[in-house]
């Protein structure tokens, strides 16, 4: 899916533009940018794409994932459970 936007719009405006395409409210998804083969969550709803993310260039790839954006002070982690006595493979 390709969407054309002006880099002077805010992240909040971008999310509102995506709402009809995704079918969930703007609070129901997170926008990530792909840089150096890593995903970086875009936050700062009131900041313009040009100001906050000067590295977003024409044809930049963004990913939208369903879920709630983190609040200030919250952190997203990956948690792995090591079961020493379990001999079965589990992923």
C-alpha atoms as a PDB file:
ATOM      1  CA  UNK A   1       0.000   0.000   0.000  1.00  0.00           C
ATOM      2  CA  UNK A   2       1.411   3.388  -0.904  1.00  0.00           C
ATOM      3  CA  UNK A   3       0.284   6.600   0.779  1.00  0.00           C
ATOM      4  CA  UNK A   4       1.508  10.050  -0.183  1.00  0.00           C
ATOM      5  CA  UNK A   5       1.935  12.540   2.642  1.00  0.00           C
ATOM      6  CA  UNK A   6       3.614  15.881   3.177  1.00  0.00           C
ATOM      7  CA  UNK A   7       6.512  15.713   5.640  1.00  0.00           C
ATOM      8  CA  UNK A   8       5.113  18.837   7.315  1.00  0.00           C
ATOM      9  CA  UNK A   9       2.146  16.937   8.753  1.00  0.00           C
ATOM     10  CA  UNK A  10       2.231  15.640  12.303  1.00  0.00           C
ATOM     11  CA  UNK A  11       2.285  11.990  13.246  1.00  0.00           C
ATOM     12  CA  UNK A  12      -1.269  12.427  14.581  1.00  0.00           C
ATOM     13  CA  UNK A  13      -2.400  13.707  11.167  1.00  0.00           C
ATOM     14  CA  UNK A  14      -0.692  10.790   9.429  1.00  0.00           C
ATOM     15  CA  UNK A  15      -2.433   8.329  11.739  1.00  0.00           C
ATOM     16  CA  UNK A  16      -5.811   9.971  11.061  1.00  0.00           C
ATOM     17  CA  UNK A  17      -5.147   9.640   7.328  1.00  0.00           C
ATOM     18  CA  UNK A  18      -4.456   5.915   7.838  1.00  0.00           C
ATOM     19  CA  UNK A  19      -7.586   5.210   9.941  1.00  0.00           C
ATOM     20  CA  UNK A  20      -9.928   4.577   6.958  1.00  0.00           C
ATOM     21  CA  UNK A  21      -7.334   2.343   5.300  1.00  0.00           C
ATOM     22  CA  UNK A  22      -6.679   0.252   8.412  1.00  0.00           C
ATOM     23  CA  UNK A  23     -10.186   0.209   9.871  1.00  0.00           C
ATOM     24  CA  UNK A  24      -9.267   0.837  13.510  1.00  0.00           C
ATOM     25  CA  UNK A  25      -9.076   4.094  15.501  1.00  0.00           C
ATOM     26  CA  UNK A  26      -5.759   5.951  15.557  1.00  0.00           C
ATOM     27  CA  UNK A  27      -5.187   4.754  19.132  1.00  0.00           C
ATOM     28  CA  UNK A  28      -5.409   1.137  17.945  1.00  0.00           C
ATOM     29  CA  UNK A  29      -2.208   0.985  15.916  1.00  0.00           C
ATOM     30  CA  UNK A  30       1.450   1.969  16.054  1.00  0.00           C
ATOM     31  CA  UNK A  31       3.562   3.346  13.202  1.00  0.00           C
ATOM     32  CA  UNK A  32       7.153   2.168  12.844  1.00  0.00           C
ATOM     33  CA  UNK A  33       9.898   3.262  10.495  1.00  0.00           C
ATOM     34  CA  UNK A  34      12.363   0.797   8.998  1.00  0.00           C
ATOM     35  CA  UNK A  35      15.946   2.060   9.328  1.00  0.00           C
ATOM     36  CA  UNK A  36      19.046  -0.094   8.989  1.00  0.00           C
ATOM     37  CA  UNK A  37      16.848  -3.218   8.947  1.00  0.00           C
ATOM     38  CA  UNK A  38      15.359  -2.365  12.364  1.00  0.00           C
ATOM     39  CA  UNK A  39      11.924  -1.123  13.380  1.00  0.00           C
ATOM     40  CA  UNK A  40      11.729   2.172  15.256  1.00  0.00           C
ATOM     41  CA  UNK A  41       8.428   3.227  16.807  1.00  0.00           C
ATOM     42  CA  UNK A  42       7.372   6.712  15.782  1.00  0.00           C
ATOM     43  CA  UNK A  43       6.059   8.693  18.733  1.00  0.00           C
ATOM     44  CA  UNK A  44       5.481  12.376  19.404  1.00  0.00           C
ATOM     45  CA  UNK A  45       2.020  12.794  17.924  1.00  0.00           C
ATOM     46  CA  UNK A  46       2.305  16.598  17.807  1.00  0.00           C
ATOM     47  CA  UNK A  47       5.673  16.658  16.035  1.00  0.00           C
ATOM     48  CA  UNK A  48       5.925  16.945  12.271  1.00  0.00           C
ATOM     49  CA  UNK A  49       7.494  14.134  10.333  1.00  0.00           C
ATOM     50  CA  UNK A  50      10.102  16.557   8.985  1.00  0.00           C
ATOM     51  CA  UNK A  51      11.060  17.947  12.403  1.00  0.00           C
ATOM     52  CA  UNK A  52      11.168  14.824  14.493  1.00  0.00           C
ATOM     53  CA  UNK A  53      12.207  12.308  11.877  1.00  0.00           C
ATOM     54  CA  UNK A  54      14.482  14.187   9.506  1.00  0.00           C
ATOM     55  CA  UNK A  55      15.689  10.850   8.186  1.00  0.00           C
ATOM     56  CA  UNK A  56      12.237  10.056   6.708  1.00  0.00           C
ATOM     57  CA  UNK A  57      12.859  10.581   3.027  1.00  0.00           C
ATOM     58  CA  UNK A  58      10.808  10.079  -0.083  1.00  0.00           C
ATOM     59  CA  UNK A  59       9.844   6.430  -0.491  1.00  0.00           C
ATOM     60  CA  UNK A  60      10.553   5.658   3.160  1.00  0.00           C
ATOM     61  CA  UNK A  61       8.985   2.450   4.386  1.00  0.00           C
ATOM     62  CA  UNK A  62       6.722   2.562   7.400  1.00  0.00           C
ATOM     63  CA  UNK A  63       5.046  -0.373   9.092  1.00  0.00           C
ATOM     64  CA  UNK A  64       1.715  -0.240  10.877  1.00  0.00           C
ATOM     65  CA  UNK A  65       1.055  -2.768  13.637  1.00  0.00           C
ATOM     66  CA  UNK A  66      -2.120  -3.176  15.612  1.00  0.00           C
ATOM     67  CA  UNK A  67      -1.706  -2.386  19.276  1.00  0.00           C
ATOM     68  CA  UNK A  68      -1.566   0.443  21.760  1.00  0.00           C
ATOM     69  CA  UNK A  69       1.279   2.933  21.764  1.00  0.00           C
ATOM     70  CA  UNK A  70       3.349   2.995  24.922  1.00  0.00           C
ATOM     71  CA  UNK A  71       2.681   5.699  27.477  1.00  0.00           C
ATOM     72  CA  UNK A  72       5.477   7.717  29.064  1.00  0.00           C
ATOM     73  CA  UNK A  73       7.412   5.493  31.455  1.00  0.00           C
ATOM     74  CA  UNK A  74       6.247   2.248  29.812  1.00  0.00           C
ATOM     75  CA  UNK A  75       8.665  -0.057  28.010  1.00  0.00           C
ATOM     76  CA  UNK A  76       8.143  -2.934  25.610  1.00  0.00           C
ATOM     77  CA  UNK A  77      10.266  -6.013  26.263  1.00  0.00           C
ATOM     78  CA  UNK A  78      10.603  -9.557  25.017  1.00  0.00           C
ATOM     79  CA  UNK A  79      10.401 -12.152  27.758  1.00  0.00           C
ATOM     80  CA  UNK A  80      11.704 -15.685  27.348  1.00  0.00           C
ATOM     81  CA  UNK A  81      10.935 -18.557  29.706  1.00  0.00           C
ATOM     82  CA  UNK A  82      13.763 -21.016  30.269  1.00  0.00           C
ATOM     83  CA  UNK A  83      12.526 -24.409  31.416  1.00  0.00           C
ATOM     84  CA  UNK A  84      15.634 -26.366  32.353  1.00  0.00           C
ATOM     85  CA  UNK A  85      13.857 -29.665  33.053  1.00  0.00           C
ATOM     86  CA  UNK A  86      11.735 -29.601  29.890  1.00  0.00           C
ATOM     87  CA  UNK A  87      13.196 -31.819  27.138  1.00  0.00           C
ATOM     88  CA  UNK A  88      10.673 -30.819  24.451  1.00  0.00           C
ATOM     89  CA  UNK A  89      11.512 -28.232  21.829  1.00  0.00           C
ATOM     90  CA  UNK A  90       9.329 -25.182  22.129  1.00  0.00           C
ATOM     91  CA  UNK A  91       9.369 -21.937  20.213  1.00  0.00           C
END
